[in-house]
C-alpha atoms as a PDB file:
ATOM      1  CA  UNK A   1     -63.767  24.838-102.838  1.00  0.00           C
ATOM      2  CA  UNK A   2     -67.316  24.446-101.256  1.00  0.00           C
ATOM      3  CA  UNK A   3     -67.641  24.723 -97.091  1.00  0.00           C
ATOM      4  CA  UNK A   4     -68.627  21.576 -95.180  1.00  0.00           C
ATOM      5  CA  UNK A   5     -71.675  21.908 -92.924  1.00  0.00           C
ATOM      6  CA  UNK A   6     -71.404  20.308 -89.650  1.00  0.00           C
ATOM      7  CA  UNK A   7     -74.615  19.967 -87.531  1.00  0.00           C
ATOM      8  CA  UNK A   8     -73.977  20.979 -83.914  1.00  0.00           C
ATOM      9  CA  UNK A   9     -76.133  21.012 -80.936  1.00  0.00           C
ATOM     10  CA  UNK A  10     -76.676  24.584 -80.145  1.00  0.00           C
ATOM     11  CA  UNK A  11     -76.919  23.899 -76.277  1.00  0.00           C
ATOM     12  CA  UNK A  12     -74.442  21.072 -75.892  1.00  0.00           C
ATOM     13  CA  UNK A  13     -71.931  21.353 -79.010  1.00  0.00           C
ATOM     14  CA  UNK A  14     -69.850  18.153 -79.597  1.00  0.00           C
ATOM     15  CA  UNK A  15     -66.397  18.871 -78.504  1.00  0.00           C
ATOM     16  CA  UNK A  16     -65.092  16.779 -81.570  1.00  0.00           C
ATOM     17  CA  UNK A  17     -66.611  19.122 -83.940  1.00  0.00           C
ATOM     18  CA  UNK A  18     -65.515  22.280 -81.977  1.00  0.00           C
ATOM     19  CA  UNK A  19     -61.941  20.696 -81.996  1.00  0.00           C
ATOM     20  CA  UNK A  20     -62.135  20.565 -85.863  1.00  0.00           C
ATOM     21  CA  UNK A  21     -63.380  23.956 -86.151  1.00  0.00           C
ATOM     22  CA  UNK A  22     -60.494  25.196 -83.815  1.00  0.00           C
ATOM     23  CA  UNK A  23     -57.922  23.405 -85.791  1.00  0.00           C
ATOM     24  CA  UNK A  24     -58.990  25.079 -89.035  1.00  0.00           C
ATOM     25  CA  UNK A  25     -58.736  28.503 -87.369  1.00  0.00           C
ATOM     26  CA  UNK A  26     -55.275  27.759 -86.148  1.00  0.00           C
ATOM     27  CA  UNK A  27     -54.570  26.727 -89.468  1.00  0.00           C
ATOM     28  CA  UNK A  28     -55.792  30.206 -91.039  1.00  0.00           C
ATOM     29  CA  UNK A  29     -58.934  29.136 -92.766  1.00  0.00           C
ATOM     30  CA  UNK A  30     -62.256  30.896 -92.187  1.00  0.00           C
ATOM     31  CA  UNK A  31     -65.141  29.100 -90.163  1.00  0.00           C
ATOM     32  CA  UNK A  32     -68.889  30.215 -89.857  1.00  0.00           C
ATOM     33  CA  UNK A  33     -70.728  29.759 -86.467  1.00  0.00           C
ATOM     34  CA  UNK A  34     -73.803  30.804 -84.807  1.00  0.00           C
ATOM     35  CA  UNK A  35     -73.828  33.578 -82.252  1.00  0.00           C
ATOM     36  CA  UNK A  36     -76.612  35.049 -79.989  1.00  0.00           C
ATOM     37  CA  UNK A  37     -77.706  37.428 -82.761  1.00  0.00           C
ATOM     38  CA  UNK A  38     -76.522  36.116 -86.383  1.00  0.00           C
ATOM     39  CA  UNK A  39     -74.031  33.748 -87.823  1.00  0.00           C
ATOM     40  CA  UNK A  40     -70.592  35.012 -87.347  1.00  0.00           C
ATOM     41  CA  UNK A  41     -67.473  34.790 -89.848  1.00  0.00           C
ATOM     42  CA  UNK A  42     -64.372  33.840 -87.857  1.00  0.00           C
ATOM     43  CA  UNK A  43     -60.588  33.420 -88.183  1.00  0.00           C
ATOM     44  CA  UNK A  44     -57.569  33.557 -85.998  1.00  0.00           C
ATOM     45  CA  UNK A  45     -57.192  37.395 -85.410  1.00  0.00           C
ATOM     46  CA  UNK A  46     -53.558  37.185 -85.046  1.00  0.00           C
ATOM     47  CA  UNK A  47     -52.761  35.502 -88.579  1.00  0.00           C
ATOM     48  CA  UNK A  48     -52.651  38.753 -90.969  1.00  0.00           C
ATOM     49  CA  UNK A  49     -53.350  36.363 -94.097  1.00  0.00           C
ATOM     50  CA  UNK A  50     -56.420  34.927 -92.416  1.00  0.00           C
ATOM     51  CA  UNK A  51     -57.711  38.409 -91.542  1.00  0.00           C
ATOM     52  CA  UNK A  52     -57.060  39.468 -95.163  1.00  0.00           C
ATOM     53  CA  UNK A  53     -59.032  36.433 -96.406  1.00  0.00           C
ATOM     54  CA  UNK A  54     -62.102  37.653 -94.271  1.00  0.00           C
ATOM     55  CA  UNK A  55     -61.895  41.144 -95.875  1.00  0.00           C
ATOM     56  CA  UNK A  56     -61.720  39.736 -99.326  1.00  0.00           C
ATOM     57  CA  UNK A  57     -64.450  37.149 -98.582  1.00  0.00           C
ATOM     58  CA  UNK A  58     -66.856  39.782 -97.391  1.00  0.00           C
ATOM     59  CA  UNK A  59     -65.864  42.667 -99.835  1.00  0.00           C
ATOM     60  CA  UNK A  60     -65.203  44.779 -96.675  1.00  0.00           C
ATOM     61  CA  UNK A  61     -63.672  48.165 -96.805  1.00  0.00           C
ATOM     62  CA  UNK A  62     -59.968  48.009 -95.150  1.00  0.00           C
ATOM     63  CA  UNK A  63     -60.949  50.981 -92.897  1.00  0.00           C
ATOM     64  CA  UNK A  64     -63.547  49.166 -91.110  1.00  0.00           C
ATOM     65  CA  UNK A  65     -62.092  47.147 -88.043  1.00  0.00           C
ATOM     66  CA  UNK A  66     -63.034  43.621 -87.132  1.00  0.00           C
ATOM     67  CA  UNK A  67     -64.678  42.665 -83.851  1.00  0.00           C
ATOM     68  CA  UNK A  68     -63.730  39.481 -81.803  1.00  0.00           C
ATOM     69  CA  UNK A  69     -65.404  37.095 -79.585  1.00  0.00           C
ATOM     70  CA  UNK A  70     -63.707  35.570 -76.576  1.00  0.00           C
ATOM     71  CA  UNK A  71     -64.676  32.757 -74.254  1.00  0.00           C
ATOM     72  CA  UNK A  72     -64.014  34.839 -71.020  1.00  0.00           C
ATOM     73  CA  UNK A  73     -62.401  37.824 -69.692  1.00  0.00           C
ATOM     74  CA  UNK A  74     -59.021  36.205 -69.291  1.00  0.00           C
ATOM     75  CA  UNK A  75     -59.179  35.455 -72.989  1.00  0.00           C
ATOM     76  CA  UNK A  76     -60.054  39.103 -73.692  1.00  0.00           C
ATOM     77  CA  UNK A  77     -56.766  40.077 -72.064  1.00  0.00           C
ATOM     78  CA  UNK A  78     -54.857  38.358 -74.779  1.00  0.00           C
ATOM     79  CA  UNK A  79     -55.977  40.991 -77.306  1.00  0.00           C
ATOM     80  CA  UNK A  80     -56.203  44.336 -75.367  1.00  0.00           C
ATOM     81  CA  UNK A  81     -54.042  46.638 -73.377  1.00  0.00           C
ATOM     82  CA  UNK A  82     -55.805  46.888 -69.860  1.00  0.00           C
ATOM     83  CA  UNK A  83     -59.222  47.157 -68.567  1.00  0.00           C
ATOM     84  CA  UNK A  84     -60.609  50.643 -67.424  1.00  0.00           C
ATOM     85  CA  UNK A  85     -62.721  50.299 -64.271  1.00  0.00           C
ATOM     86  CA  UNK A  86     -66.024  51.083 -66.320  1.00  0.00           C
ATOM     87  CA  UNK A  87     -65.380  48.037 -68.612  1.00  0.00           C
ATOM     88  CA  UNK A  88     -65.478  45.867 -65.186  1.00  0.00           C
ATOM     89  CA  UNK A  89     -68.789  47.208 -64.584  1.00  0.00           C
ATOM     90  CA  UNK A  90     -70.288  46.474 -67.935  1.00  0.00           C
ATOM     91  CA  UNK A  91     -68.805  43.102 -68.263  1.00  0.00           C
ATOM     92  CA  UNK A  92     -70.433  42.242 -64.785  1.00  0.00           C
ATOM     93  CA  UNK A  93     -73.819  43.586 -66.103  1.00  0.00           C
ATOM     94  CA  UNK A  94     -73.817  42.553 -69.804  1.00  0.00           C
ATOM     95  CA  UNK A  95     -71.441  39.520 -70.425  1.00  0.00           C
ATOM     96  CA  UNK A  96     -71.881  37.142 -71.629  1.00  0.00           C
ATOM     97  CA  UNK A  97     -74.030  38.959 -74.090  1.00  0.00           C
ATOM     98  CA  UNK A  98     -74.319  41.181 -77.292  1.00  0.00           C
ATOM     99  CA  UNK A  99     -72.345  44.092 -75.924  1.00  0.00           C
ATOM    100  CA  UNK A 100     -69.005  44.865 -77.873  1.00  0.00           C
ATOM    101  CA  UNK A 101     -66.598  46.919 -75.890  1.00  0.00           C
ATOM    102  CA  UNK A 102     -63.651  48.757 -77.655  1.00  0.00           C
ATOM    103  CA  UNK A 103     -60.482  48.763 -75.540  1.00  0.00           C
ATOM    104  CA  UNK A 104     -56.882  49.681 -76.507  1.00  0.00           C
ATOM    105  CA  UNK A 105     -55.514  46.923 -78.889  1.00  0.00           C
ATOM    106  CA  UNK A 106     -52.702  44.521 -77.728  1.00  0.00           C
ATOM    107  CA  UNK A 107     -49.537  45.526 -80.044  1.00  0.00           C
ATOM    108  CA  UNK A 108     -49.396  42.135 -81.727  1.00  0.00           C
ATOM    109  CA  UNK A 109     -52.799  42.319 -83.558  1.00  0.00           C
ATOM    110  CA  UNK A 110     -52.591  42.973 -87.290  1.00  0.00           C
ATOM    111  CA  UNK A 111     -52.979  46.402 -88.566  1.00  0.00           C
ATOM    112  CA  UNK A 112     -55.794  45.600 -91.163  1.00  0.00           C
ATOM    113  CA  UNK A 113     -57.742  43.871 -88.139  1.00  0.00           C
ATOM    114  CA  UNK A 114     -57.667  47.196 -86.271  1.00  0.00           C
ATOM    115  CA  UNK A 115     -58.714  49.180 -89.772  1.00  0.00           C
ATOM    116  CA  UNK A 116     -55.867  51.307 -89.533  1.00  0.00           C
ATOM    117  CA  UNK A 117     -56.439  52.370 -85.800  1.00  0.00           C
ATOM    118  CA  UNK A 118     -55.186  51.228 -82.275  1.00  0.00           C
ATOM    119  CA  UNK A 119     -58.297  49.704 -80.925  1.00  0.00           C
ATOM    120  CA  UNK A 120     -60.168  46.509 -81.058  1.00  0.00           C
ATOM    121  CA  UNK A 121     -64.086  45.627 -80.128  1.00  0.00           C
ATOM    122  CA  UNK A 122     -64.472  42.516 -78.128  1.00  0.00           C
ATOM    123  CA  UNK A 123     -67.382  40.713 -76.617  1.00  0.00           C
ATOM    124  CA  UNK A 124     -68.106  37.506 -74.524  1.00  0.00           C
ATOM    125  CA  UNK A 125     -70.857  35.485 -76.531  1.00  0.00           C
ATOM    126  CA  UNK A 126     -73.655  33.987 -74.489  1.00  0.00           C
ATOM    127  CA  UNK A 127     -74.151  31.570 -77.394  1.00  0.00           C
ATOM    128  CA  UNK A 128     -72.823  27.975 -76.240  1.00  0.00           C
ATOM    129  CA  UNK A 129     -71.294  27.200 -79.724  1.00  0.00           C
ATOM    130  CA  UNK A 130     -69.616  30.790 -80.205  1.00  0.00           C
ATOM    131  CA  UNK A 131     -68.309  30.616 -76.560  1.00  0.00           C
ATOM    132  CA  UNK A 132     -66.912  26.980 -76.813  1.00  0.00           C
ATOM    133  CA  UNK A 133     -65.433  27.345 -80.207  1.00  0.00           C
ATOM    134  CA  UNK A 134     -63.346  30.347 -78.817  1.00  0.00           C
ATOM    135  CA  UNK A 135     -62.399  28.373 -75.748  1.00  0.00           C
ATOM    136  CA  UNK A 136     -61.373  25.372 -78.039  1.00  0.00           C
ATOM    137  CA  UNK A 137     -59.131  27.905 -80.171  1.00  0.00           C
ATOM    138  CA  UNK A 138     -57.415  29.094 -76.831  1.00  0.00           C
ATOM    139  CA  UNK A 139     -57.788  32.812 -77.725  1.00  0.00           C
ATOM    140  CA  UNK A 140     -60.250  35.408 -79.306  1.00  0.00           C
ATOM    141  CA  UNK A 141     -61.676  34.741 -82.782  1.00  0.00           C
ATOM    142  CA  UNK A 142     -62.919  37.203 -85.506  1.00  0.00           C
ATOM    143  CA  UNK A 143     -66.808  37.728 -85.078  1.00  0.00           C
ATOM    144  CA  UNK A 144     -67.982  39.855 -88.135  1.00  0.00           C
ATOM    145  CA  UNK A 145     -71.215  38.679 -89.591  1.00  0.00           C
ATOM    146  CA  UNK A 146     -71.181  35.844 -92.163  1.00  0.00           C
ATOM    147  CA  UNK A 147     -72.467  37.868 -95.240  1.00  0.00           C
ATOM    148  CA  UNK A 148     -71.012  40.112 -98.091  1.00  0.00           C
ATOM    149  CA  UNK A 149     -70.663  43.714 -97.040  1.00  0.00           C
ATOM    150  CA  UNK A 150     -73.917  45.267 -97.336  1.00  0.00           C
ATOM    151  CA  UNK A 151     -75.902  42.215 -97.444  1.00  0.00           C
ATOM    152  CA  UNK A 152     -78.408  40.865 -94.709  1.00  0.00           C
ATOM    153  CA  UNK A 153     -76.518  39.170 -91.921  1.00  0.00           C
ATOM    154  CA  UNK A 154     -77.521  35.466 -91.790  1.00  0.00           C
ATOM    155  CA  UNK A 155     -79.520  33.811 -88.945  1.00  0.00           C
ATOM    156  CA  UNK A 156     -79.350  30.168 -90.359  1.00  0.00           C
ATOM    157  CA  UNK A 157     -76.415  28.214 -91.602  1.00  0.00           C
ATOM    158  CA  UNK A 158     -78.244  28.026 -95.183  1.00  0.00           C
ATOM    159  CA  UNK A 159     -78.082  31.649 -95.514  1.00  0.00           C
ATOM    160  CA  UNK A 160     -74.448  31.714 -94.569  1.00  0.00           C
ATOM    161  CA  UNK A 161     -73.773  28.987 -97.113  1.00  0.00           C
ATOM    162  CA  UNK A 162     -75.321  30.981 -99.777  1.00  0.00           C
ATOM    163  CA  UNK A 163     -73.424  34.092 -99.141  1.00  0.00           C
ATOM    164  CA  UNK A 164     -70.010  32.634 -98.244  1.00  0.00           C
ATOM    165  CA  UNK A 165     -70.021  29.015 -98.950  1.00  0.00           C
ATOM    166  CA  UNK A 166     -67.389  29.028-101.695  1.00  0.00           C
ATOM    167  CA  UNK A 167     -64.876  31.007 -99.394  1.00  0.00           C
ATOM    168  CA  UNK A 168     -64.999  29.288 -96.136  1.00  0.00           C
ATOM    169  CA  UNK A 169     -64.154  25.797 -94.930  1.00  0.00           C
ATOM    170  CA  UNK A 170     -66.664  24.943 -92.156  1.00  0.00           C
ATOM    171  CA  UNK A 171     -69.945  26.138 -91.139  1.00  0.00           C
ATOM    172  CA  UNK A 172     -71.095  24.966 -87.900  1.00  0.00           C
ATOM    173  CA  UNK A 173     -74.877  24.769 -88.082  1.00  0.00           C
ATOM    174  CA  UNK A 174     -76.301  25.305 -84.777  1.00  0.00           C
ATOM    175  CA  UNK A 175     -79.916  25.939 -86.096  1.00  0.00           C
ATOM    176  CA  UNK A 176     -81.530  29.337 -86.418  1.00  0.00           C
ATOM    177  CA  UNK A 177     -80.425  32.162 -84.403  1.00  0.00           C
ATOM    178  CA  UNK A 178     -82.497  34.948 -82.889  1.00  0.00           C
ATOM    179  CA  UNK A 179     -81.533  37.586 -85.514  1.00  0.00           C
ATOM    180  CA  UNK A 180     -83.131  40.880 -84.676  1.00  0.00           C
ATOM    181  CA  UNK A 181     -80.678  43.599 -83.684  1.00  0.00           C
ATOM    182  CA  UNK A 182     -76.813  43.110 -83.573  1.00  0.00           C
ATOM    183  CA  UNK A 183     -74.558  43.628 -80.710  1.00  0.00           C
ATOM    184  CA  UNK A 184     -74.341  47.233 -79.108  1.00  0.00           C
ATOM    185  CA  UNK A 185     -70.988  48.584 -79.624  1.00  0.00           C
ATOM    186  CA  UNK A 186     -69.326  51.155 -76.908  1.00  0.00           C
ATOM    187  CA  UNK A 187     -65.988  52.804 -77.009  1.00  0.00           C
ATOM    188  CA  UNK A 188     -64.300  53.101 -73.696  1.00  0.00           C
ATOM    189  CA  UNK A 189     -61.053  54.399 -75.199  1.00  0.00           C
ATOM    190  CA  UNK A 190     -62.550  57.946 -75.363  1.00  0.00           C
ATOM    191  CA  UNK A 191     -63.860  60.505 -73.036  1.00  0.00           C
ATOM    192  CA  UNK A 192     -66.844  60.608 -72.433  1.00  0.00           C
ATOM    193  CA  UNK A 193     -67.423  56.783 -73.439  1.00  0.00           C
ATOM    194  CA  UNK A 194     -69.114  56.781 -77.066  1.00  0.00           C
ATOM    195  CA  UNK A 195     -71.860  54.711 -78.492  1.00  0.00           C
ATOM    196  CA  UNK A 196     -70.669  53.465 -81.719  1.00  0.00           C
ATOM    197  CA  UNK A 197     -73.725  51.197 -82.652  1.00  0.00           C
ATOM    198  CA  UNK A 198     -76.831  51.062 -81.058  1.00  0.00           C
ATOM    199  CA  UNK A 199     -77.913  47.318 -80.698  1.00  0.00           C
ATOM    200  CA  UNK A 200     -79.392  44.578 -78.667  1.00  0.00           C
ATOM    201  CA  UNK A 201     -78.288  46.079 -75.214  1.00  0.00           C
ATOM    202  CA  UNK A 202     -80.102  49.656 -74.782  1.00  0.00           C
ATOM    203  CA  UNK A 203     -78.232  53.017 -74.600  1.00  0.00           C
ATOM    204  CA  UNK A 204     -80.251  53.767 -71.489  1.00  0.00           C
ATOM    205  CA  UNK A 205     -79.207  50.456 -69.733  1.00  0.00           C
ATOM    206  CA  UNK A 206     -75.511  51.170 -70.302  1.00  0.00           C
ATOM    207  CA  UNK A 207     -75.919  54.713 -68.987  1.00  0.00           C
ATOM    208  CA  UNK A 208     -77.755  53.363 -65.847  1.00  0.00           C
ATOM    209  CA  UNK A 209     -74.905  51.024 -65.313  1.00  0.00           C
ATOM    210  CA  UNK A 210     -72.185  53.640 -65.742  1.00  0.00           C
ATOM    211  CA  UNK A 211     -74.078  56.429 -63.990  1.00  0.00           C
ATOM    212  CA  UNK A 212     -73.282  58.974 -66.712  1.00  0.00           C
ATOM    213  CA  UNK A 213     -74.497  59.838 -70.198  1.00  0.00           C
ATOM    214  CA  UNK A 214     -72.492  58.536 -73.245  1.00  0.00           C
ATOM    215  CA  UNK A 215     -71.181  60.492 -75.956  1.00  0.00           C
END
């Protein structure tokens, strides 16, 4: 199988193309799509077999949890167990955008998705295609980078095709992404909150919003 590439306006994505991508996700297939940083590899996070396909496609160690993208805060509620007060402040300041917040995971998410743990990282993307695809799917979607583990994350559809074209069903080509730095990841399930990965949102900006130092 070789992926189909569909061109999509990165500012006004075609609803018909997004509906096709959403249908493939619901059927358990893998779809590549642009985000505000790099191209992401997506599946339906509640389908254990689809999640396993992503781990196999990337050669990803099963101890590494997969992050998610949601269309909005209400969609985030579908995959987490509650929002701590700190999360609301961070969401107000940095969403939509490249800040992944780690929450207690909902009980119905597959263990493989969570890397054997009990938490899940979620963000609301500022990229119109990523956001609209999640909305068309009516739930969060997996948002790992569309590359083999250890390889460079792709900033074009062509790079994603070269890396994963034989194992995904559809690549939504929204043109080059900004690349640069991946999303920042902060864990709010521990005390004090812990910066797991430095990224596009600076540590100092998060600490300023929370009024405290991170672990």
